[in-house]
């Protein structure tokens, strides 16, 4: 894994953690919907970036990952 991929993984993790915390602490439905949208965008961006820069490092389980399933669980 190169430094760009490592930095991307770290930043994605930070963004996801912040979004999860915001979702849990938020009581407004419209804001929660926005948080879910942002979460999906971060995951999609991370997935697309990974496919572009390291296509052989993306597993089959990543290809089938649906961020909405996580959001529904939250």
PDB file of N, CA and C in Angstrom:
ATOM      1  N   UNK A   1       0.853  -1.170   0.000  1.00  0.00           N
ATOM      2  CA  UNK A   1       0.000   0.000   0.000  1.00  0.00           C
ATOM      3  C   UNK A   1       0.901   1.237   0.000  1.00  0.00           C
ATOM      4  N   UNK A   2       0.651   2.150  -0.922  1.00  0.00           N
ATOM      5  CA  UNK A   2       1.468   3.352  -0.995  1.00  0.00           C
ATOM      6  C   UNK A   2       0.930   4.423  -0.033  1.00  0.00           C
ATOM      7  N   UNK A   3       1.676   5.509   0.092  1.00  0.00           N
ATOM      8  CA  UNK A   3       1.303   6.577   1.043  1.00  0.00           C
ATOM      9  C   UNK A   3      -0.020   7.234   0.682  1.00  0.00           C
ATOM     10  N   UNK A   4      -0.308   7.387  -0.606  1.00  0.00           N
ATOM     11  CA  UNK A   4      -1.566   8.000  -1.018  1.00  0.00           C
ATOM     12  C   UNK A   4      -2.740   7.143  -0.567  1.00  0.00           C
ATOM     13  N   UNK A   5      -2.633   5.838  -0.761  1.00  0.00           N
ATOM     14  CA  UNK A   5      -3.702   4.930  -0.333  1.00  0.00           C
ATOM     15  C   UNK A   5      -3.839   4.925   1.184  1.00  0.00           C
ATOM     16  N   UNK A   6      -2.715   4.926   1.867  1.00  0.00           N
ATOM     17  CA  UNK A   6      -2.739   4.937   3.326  1.00  0.00           C
ATOM     18  C   UNK A   6      -3.390   6.214   3.840  1.00  0.00           C
ATOM     19  N   UNK A   7      -2.995   7.362   3.289  1.00  0.00           N
ATOM     20  CA  UNK A   7      -3.591   8.635   3.697  1.00  0.00           C
ATOM     21  C   UNK A   7      -5.082   8.668   3.396  1.00  0.00           C
ATOM     22  N   UNK A   8      -5.470   8.129   2.247  1.00  0.00           N
ATOM     23  CA  UNK A   8      -6.885   8.071   1.888  1.00  0.00           C
ATOM     24  C   UNK A   8      -7.655   7.214   2.877  1.00  0.00           C
ATOM     25  N   UNK A   9      -7.098   6.087   3.255  1.00  0.00           N
ATOM     26  CA  UNK A   9      -7.754   5.217   4.237  1.00  0.00           C
ATOM     27  C   UNK A   9      -7.898   5.919   5.580  1.00  0.00           C
ATOM     28  N   UNK A  10      -6.870   6.621   6.006  1.00  0.00           N
ATOM     29  CA  UNK A  10      -6.923   7.331   7.282  1.00  0.00           C
ATOM     30  C   UNK A  10      -7.975   8.434   7.236  1.00  0.00           C
ATOM     31  N   UNK A  11      -7.959   9.236   6.173  1.00  0.00           N
ATOM     32  CA  UNK A  11      -8.928  10.327   6.055  1.00  0.00           C
ATOM     33  C   UNK A  11     -10.352   9.808   5.926  1.00  0.00           C
ATOM     34  N   UNK A  12     -10.528   8.724   5.203  1.00  0.00           N
ATOM     35  CA  UNK A  12     -11.862   8.132   5.093  1.00  0.00           C
ATOM     36  C   UNK A  12     -12.348   7.664   6.456  1.00  0.00           C
ATOM     37  N   UNK A  13     -11.469   7.033   7.207  1.00  0.00           N
ATOM     38  CA  UNK A  13     -11.827   6.572   8.548  1.00  0.00           C
ATOM     39  C   UNK A  13     -12.217   7.719   9.463  1.00  0.00           C
ATOM     40  N   UNK A  14     -11.487   8.815   9.385  1.00  0.00           N
ATOM     41  CA  UNK A  14     -11.804   9.989  10.196  1.00  0.00           C
ATOM     42  C   UNK A  14     -13.168  10.554   9.804  1.00  0.00           C
ATOM     43  N   UNK A  15     -13.417  10.660   8.507  1.00  0.00           N
ATOM     44  CA  UNK A  15     -14.699  11.192   8.026  1.00  0.00           C
ATOM     45  C   UNK A  15     -15.853  10.296   8.454  1.00  0.00           C
ATOM     46  N   UNK A  16     -15.689   9.004   8.318  1.00  0.00           N
ATOM     47  CA  UNK A  16     -16.752   8.066   8.698  1.00  0.00           C
ATOM     48  C   UNK A  16     -17.023   8.138  10.202  1.00  0.00           C
ATOM     49  N   UNK A  17     -15.976   8.195  10.993  1.00  0.00           N
ATOM     50  CA  UNK A  17     -16.157   8.297  12.452  1.00  0.00           C
ATOM     51  C   UNK A  17     -16.904   9.569  12.828  1.00  0.00           C
ATOM     52  N   UNK A  18     -16.538  10.674  12.198  1.00  0.00           N
ATOM     53  CA  UNK A  18     -17.209  11.948  12.491  1.00  0.00           C
ATOM     54  C   UNK A  18     -18.675  11.899  12.070  1.00  0.00           C
ATOM     55  N   UNK A  19     -18.944  11.302  10.920  1.00  0.00           N
ATOM     56  CA  UNK A  19     -20.329  11.193  10.454  1.00  0.00           C
ATOM     57  C   UNK A  19     -21.154  10.273  11.359  1.00  0.00           C
ATOM     58  N   UNK A  20     -20.570   9.169  11.816  1.00  0.00           N
ATOM     59  CA  UNK A  20     -21.284   8.275  12.728  1.00  0.00           C
ATOM     60  C   UNK A  20     -21.619   8.993  14.028  1.00  0.00           C
ATOM     61  N   UNK A  21     -20.647   9.732  14.561  1.00  0.00           N
ATOM     62  CA  UNK A  21     -20.874  10.469  15.809  1.00  0.00           C
ATOM     63  C   UNK A  21     -21.969  11.525  15.611  1.00  0.00           C
ATOM     64  N   UNK A  22     -21.903  12.250  14.505  1.00  0.00           N
ATOM     65  CA  UNK A  22     -22.915  13.269  14.226  1.00  0.00           C
ATOM     66  C   UNK A  22     -24.293  12.632  14.087  1.00  0.00           C
ATOM     67  N   UNK A  23     -24.364  11.481  13.437  1.00  0.00           N
ATOM     68  CA  UNK A  23     -25.647  10.800  13.244  1.00  0.00           C
ATOM     69  C   UNK A  23     -26.249  10.402  14.589  1.00  0.00           C
ATOM     70  N   UNK A  24     -25.433   9.831  15.450  1.00  0.00           N
ATOM     71  CA  UNK A  24     -25.906   9.379  16.757  1.00  0.00           C
ATOM     72  C   UNK A  24     -26.371  10.561  17.614  1.00  0.00           C
ATOM     73  N   UNK A  25     -25.640  11.659  17.558  1.00  0.00           N
ATOM     74  CA  UNK A  25     -25.955  12.811  18.404  1.00  0.00           C
ATOM     75  C   UNK A  25     -27.069  13.690  17.853  1.00  0.00           C
ATOM     76  N   UNK A  26     -27.430  13.501  16.593  1.00  0.00           N
ATOM     77  CA  UNK A  26     -28.402  14.364  15.944  1.00  0.00           C
ATOM     78  C   UNK A  26     -29.829  13.888  16.214  1.00  0.00           C
ATOM     79  N   UNK A  27     -30.727  14.831  16.429  1.00  0.00           N
ATOM     80  CA  UNK A  27     -32.125  14.464  16.646  1.00  0.00           C
ATOM     81  C   UNK A  27     -33.025  14.926  15.505  1.00  0.00           C
ATOM     82  N   UNK A  28     -32.498  15.719  14.585  1.00  0.00           N
ATOM     83  CA  UNK A  28     -33.278  16.240  13.468  1.00  0.00           C
ATOM     84  C   UNK A  28     -33.244  15.271  12.290  1.00  0.00           C
ATOM     85  N   UNK A  29     -34.432  14.848  11.818  1.00  0.00           N
ATOM     86  CA  UNK A  29     -34.488  13.863  10.734  1.00  0.00           C
ATOM     87  C   UNK A  29     -33.843  14.372   9.449  1.00  0.00           C
ATOM     88  N   UNK A  30     -34.083  15.618   9.095  1.00  0.00           N
ATOM     89  CA  UNK A  30     -33.498  16.167   7.865  1.00  0.00           C
ATOM     90  C   UNK A  30     -31.973  16.168   7.953  1.00  0.00           C
ATOM     91  N   UNK A  31     -31.449  16.510   9.118  1.00  0.00           N
ATOM     92  CA  UNK A  31     -29.996  16.502   9.299  1.00  0.00           C
ATOM     93  C   UNK A  31     -29.461  15.078   9.220  1.00  0.00           C
ATOM     94  N   UNK A  32     -30.180  14.116   9.811  1.00  0.00           N
ATOM     95  CA  UNK A  32     -29.747  12.718   9.732  1.00  0.00           C
ATOM     96  C   UNK A  32     -29.719  12.248   8.282  1.00  0.00           C
ATOM     97  N   UNK A  33     -30.718  12.652   7.503  1.00  0.00           N
ATOM     98  CA  UNK A  33     -30.734  12.285   6.081  1.00  0.00           C
ATOM     99  C   UNK A  33     -29.514  12.855   5.362  1.00  0.00           C
ATOM    100  N   UNK A  34     -29.134  14.073   5.705  1.00  0.00           N
ATOM    101  CA  UNK A  34     -27.945  14.687   5.103  1.00  0.00           C
ATOM    102  C   UNK A  34     -26.674  13.953   5.518  1.00  0.00           C
ATOM    103  N   UNK A  35     -26.618  13.524   6.751  1.00  0.00           N
ATOM    104  CA  UNK A  35     -25.459  12.781   7.248  1.00  0.00           C
ATOM    105  C   UNK A  35     -25.335  11.460   6.504  1.00  0.00           C
ATOM    106  N   UNK A  36     -26.457  10.780   6.303  1.00  0.00           N
ATOM    107  CA  UNK A  36     -26.449   9.506   5.567  1.00  0.00           C
ATOM    108  C   UNK A  36     -25.965   9.742   4.136  1.00  0.00           C
ATOM    109  N   UNK A  37     -26.434  10.806   3.511  1.00  0.00           N
ATOM    110  CA  UNK A  37     -26.002  11.135   2.151  1.00  0.00           C
ATOM    111  C   UNK A  37     -24.497  11.387   2.104  1.00  0.00           C
ATOM    112  N   UNK A  38     -23.995  12.131   3.076  1.00  0.00           N
ATOM    113  CA  UNK A  38     -22.557  12.408   3.148  1.00  0.00           C
ATOM    114  C   UNK A  38     -21.770  11.120   3.367  1.00  0.00           C
ATOM    115  N   UNK A  39     -22.273  10.256   4.229  1.00  0.00           N
ATOM    116  CA  UNK A  39     -21.605   8.982   4.486  1.00  0.00           C
ATOM    117  C   UNK A  39     -21.502   8.168   3.199  1.00  0.00           C
ATOM    118  N   UNK A  40     -22.613   8.066   2.470  1.00  0.00           N
ATOM    119  CA  UNK A  40     -22.613   7.323   1.211  1.00  0.00           C
ATOM    120  C   UNK A  40     -21.610   7.914   0.224  1.00  0.00           C
ATOM    121  N   UNK A  41     -21.540   9.235   0.166  1.00  0.00           N
ATOM    122  CA  UNK A  41     -20.615   9.901  -0.758  1.00  0.00           C
ATOM    123  C   UNK A  41     -19.164   9.603  -0.385  1.00  0.00           C
ATOM    124  N   UNK A  42     -18.850   9.625   0.904  1.00  0.00           N
ATOM    125  CA  UNK A  42     -17.484   9.332   1.357  1.00  0.00           C
ATOM    126  C   UNK A  42     -17.109   7.899   0.993  1.00  0.00           C
ATOM    127  N   UNK A  43     -18.009   6.967   1.245  1.00  0.00           N
ATOM    128  CA  UNK A  43     -17.732   5.563   0.925  1.00  0.00           C
ATOM    129  C   UNK A  43     -17.560   5.380  -0.580  1.00  0.00           C
ATOM    130  N   UNK A  44     -18.441   6.005  -1.367  1.00  0.00           N
ATOM    131  CA  UNK A  44     -18.349   5.865  -2.822  1.00  0.00           C
ATOM    132  C   UNK A  44     -17.052   6.477  -3.349  1.00  0.00           C
ATOM    133  N   UNK A  45     -16.698   7.642  -2.833  1.00  0.00           N
ATOM    134  CA  UNK A  45     -15.459   8.295  -3.245  1.00  0.00           C
ATOM    135  C   UNK A  45     -14.255   7.426  -2.898  1.00  0.00           C
ATOM    136  N   UNK A  46     -14.256   6.884  -1.705  1.00  0.00           N
ATOM    137  CA  UNK A  46     -13.161   6.013  -1.274  1.00  0.00           C
ATOM    138  C   UNK A  46     -13.087   4.774  -2.172  1.00  0.00           C
ATOM    139  N   UNK A  47     -14.224   4.202  -2.463  1.00  0.00           N
ATOM    140  CA  UNK A  47     -14.273   3.015  -3.308  1.00  0.00           C
ATOM    141  C   UNK A  47     -13.779   3.334  -4.726  1.00  0.00           C
ATOM    142  N   UNK A  48     -14.264   4.442  -5.286  1.00  0.00           N
ATOM    143  CA  UNK A  48     -13.849   4.833  -6.639  1.00  0.00           C
ATOM    144  C   UNK A  48     -12.366   5.167  -6.690  1.00  0.00           C
ATOM    145  N   UNK A  49     -11.862   5.859  -5.681  1.00  0.00           N
ATOM    146  CA  UNK A  49     -10.444   6.204  -5.629  1.00  0.00           C
ATOM    147  C   UNK A  49      -9.602   4.937  -5.563  1.00  0.00           C
ATOM    148  N   UNK A  50     -10.032   3.995  -4.757  1.00  0.00           N
ATOM    149  CA  UNK A  50      -9.304   2.732  -4.633  1.00  0.00           C
ATOM    150  C   UNK A  50      -9.288   1.957  -5.929  1.00  0.00           C
ATOM    151  N   UNK A  51     -10.398   1.966  -6.645  1.00  0.00           N
ATOM    152  CA  UNK A  51     -10.487   1.257  -7.915  1.00  0.00           C
ATOM    153  C   UNK A  51      -9.575   1.909  -8.944  1.00  0.00           C
ATOM    154  N   UNK A  52      -9.481   3.227  -8.890  1.00  0.00           N
ATOM    155  CA  UNK A  52      -8.660   3.966  -9.854  1.00  0.00           C
ATOM    156  C   UNK A  52      -7.168   3.771  -9.593  1.00  0.00           C
ATOM    157  N   UNK A  53      -6.778   3.757  -8.307  1.00  0.00           N
ATOM    158  CA  UNK A  53      -5.352   3.735  -7.969  1.00  0.00           C
ATOM    159  C   UNK A  53      -4.803   2.363  -7.602  1.00  0.00           C
ATOM    160  N   UNK A  54      -5.676   1.446  -7.236  1.00  0.00           N
ATOM    161  CA  UNK A  54      -5.195   0.107  -6.888  1.00  0.00           C
ATOM    162  C   UNK A  54      -6.279  -0.916  -7.211  1.00  0.00           C
ATOM    163  N   UNK A  55      -6.600  -1.101  -8.482  1.00  0.00           N
ATOM    164  CA  UNK A  55      -7.700  -1.990  -8.846  1.00  0.00           C
ATOM    165  C   UNK A  55      -7.519  -3.427  -8.378  1.00  0.00           C
ATOM    166  N   UNK A  56      -6.280  -3.876  -8.263  1.00  0.00           N
ATOM    167  CA  UNK A  56      -6.050  -5.252  -7.825  1.00  0.00           C
ATOM    168  C   UNK A  56      -6.165  -5.415  -6.314  1.00  0.00           C
ATOM    169  N   UNK A  57      -6.282  -4.313  -5.571  1.00  0.00           N
ATOM    170  CA  UNK A  57      -6.373  -4.391  -4.114  1.00  0.00           C
ATOM    171  C   UNK A  57      -7.809  -4.356  -3.610  1.00  0.00           C
ATOM    172  N   UNK A  58      -8.789  -4.202  -4.506  1.00  0.00           N
ATOM    173  CA  UNK A  58     -10.184  -4.165  -4.095  1.00  0.00           C
ATOM    174  C   UNK A  58     -10.715  -5.588  -4.127  1.00  0.00           C
ATOM    175  N   UNK A  59     -11.238  -6.027  -2.994  1.00  0.00           N
ATOM    176  CA  UNK A  59     -11.731  -7.396  -2.912  1.00  0.00           C
ATOM    177  C   UNK A  59     -13.151  -7.492  -3.453  1.00  0.00           C
ATOM    178  N   UNK A  60     -13.593  -8.718  -3.675  1.00  0.00           N
ATOM    179  CA  UNK A  60     -14.959  -8.938  -4.134  1.00  0.00           C
ATOM    180  C   UNK A  60     -15.971  -8.427  -3.126  1.00  0.00           C
ATOM    181  N   UNK A  61     -15.657  -8.542  -1.835  1.00  0.00           N
ATOM    182  CA  UNK A  61     -16.600  -8.074  -0.825  1.00  0.00           C
ATOM    183  C   UNK A  61     -16.742  -6.552  -0.872  1.00  0.00           C
ATOM    184  N   UNK A  62     -15.674  -5.828  -1.240  1.00  0.00           N
ATOM    185  CA  UNK A  62     -15.762  -4.376  -1.388  1.00  0.00           C
ATOM    186  C   UNK A  62     -16.692  -4.009  -2.537  1.00  0.00           C
ATOM    187  N   UNK A  63     -16.654  -4.778  -3.607  1.00  0.00           N
ATOM    188  CA  UNK A  63     -17.474  -4.485  -4.769  1.00  0.00           C
ATOM    189  C   UNK A  63     -18.948  -4.644  -4.465  1.00  0.00           C
ATOM    190  N   UNK A  64     -19.277  -5.502  -3.510  1.00  0.00           N
ATOM    191  CA  UNK A  64     -20.664  -5.752  -3.154  1.00  0.00           C
ATOM    192  C   UNK A  64     -21.106  -4.922  -1.962  1.00  0.00           C
ATOM    193  N   UNK A  65     -20.249  -4.076  -1.435  1.00  0.00           N
ATOM    194  CA  UNK A  65     -20.553  -3.286  -0.253  1.00  0.00           C
ATOM    195  C   UNK A  65     -21.606  -2.228  -0.565  1.00  0.00           C
ATOM    196  N   UNK A  66     -22.631  -2.192   0.243  1.00  0.00           N
ATOM    197  CA  UNK A  66     -23.697  -1.214   0.058  1.00  0.00           C
ATOM    198  C   UNK A  66     -23.736  -0.318   1.287  1.00  0.00           C
ATOM    199  N   UNK A  67     -23.285   0.939   1.152  1.00  0.00           N
ATOM    200  CA  UNK A  67     -23.245   1.824   2.316  1.00  0.00           C
ATOM    201  C   UNK A  67     -24.613   2.078   2.924  1.00  0.00           C
ATOM    202  N   UNK A  68     -25.682   1.940   2.157  1.00  0.00           N
ATOM    203  CA  UNK A  68     -27.006   2.173   2.710  1.00  0.00           C
ATOM    204  C   UNK A  68     -27.359   1.123   3.760  1.00  0.00           C
ATOM    205  N   UNK A  69     -26.799  -0.084   3.629  1.00  0.00           N
ATOM    206  CA  UNK A  69     -27.039  -1.109   4.635  1.00  0.00           C
ATOM    207  C   UNK A  69     -26.458  -0.687   5.977  1.00  0.00           C
ATOM    208  N   UNK A  70     -25.259  -0.099   5.951  1.00  0.00           N
ATOM    209  CA  UNK A  70     -24.670   0.383   7.192  1.00  0.00           C
ATOM    210  C   UNK A  70     -25.517   1.509   7.775  1.00  0.00           C
ATOM    211  N   UNK A  71     -25.904   2.443   6.925  1.00  0.00           N
ATOM    212  CA  UNK A  71     -26.680   3.583   7.389  1.00  0.00           C
ATOM    213  C   UNK A  71     -28.007   3.145   7.985  1.00  0.00           C
ATOM    214  N   UNK A  72     -28.618   2.143   7.396  1.00  0.00           N
ATOM    215  CA  UNK A  72     -29.879   1.636   7.927  1.00  0.00           C
ATOM    216  C   UNK A  72     -29.662   1.016   9.303  1.00  0.00           C
ATOM    217  N   UNK A  73     -28.523   0.381   9.475  1.00  0.00           N
ATOM    218  CA  UNK A  73     -28.217  -0.237  10.769  1.00  0.00           C
ATOM    219  C   UNK A  73     -27.974   0.797  11.851  1.00  0.00           C
ATOM    220  N   UNK A  74     -27.405   1.930  11.462  1.00  0.00           N
ATOM    221  CA  UNK A  74     -27.147   2.999  12.430  1.00  0.00           C
ATOM    222  C   UNK A  74     -28.461   3.546  12.899  1.00  0.00           C
TER     223      UNK A  74
END
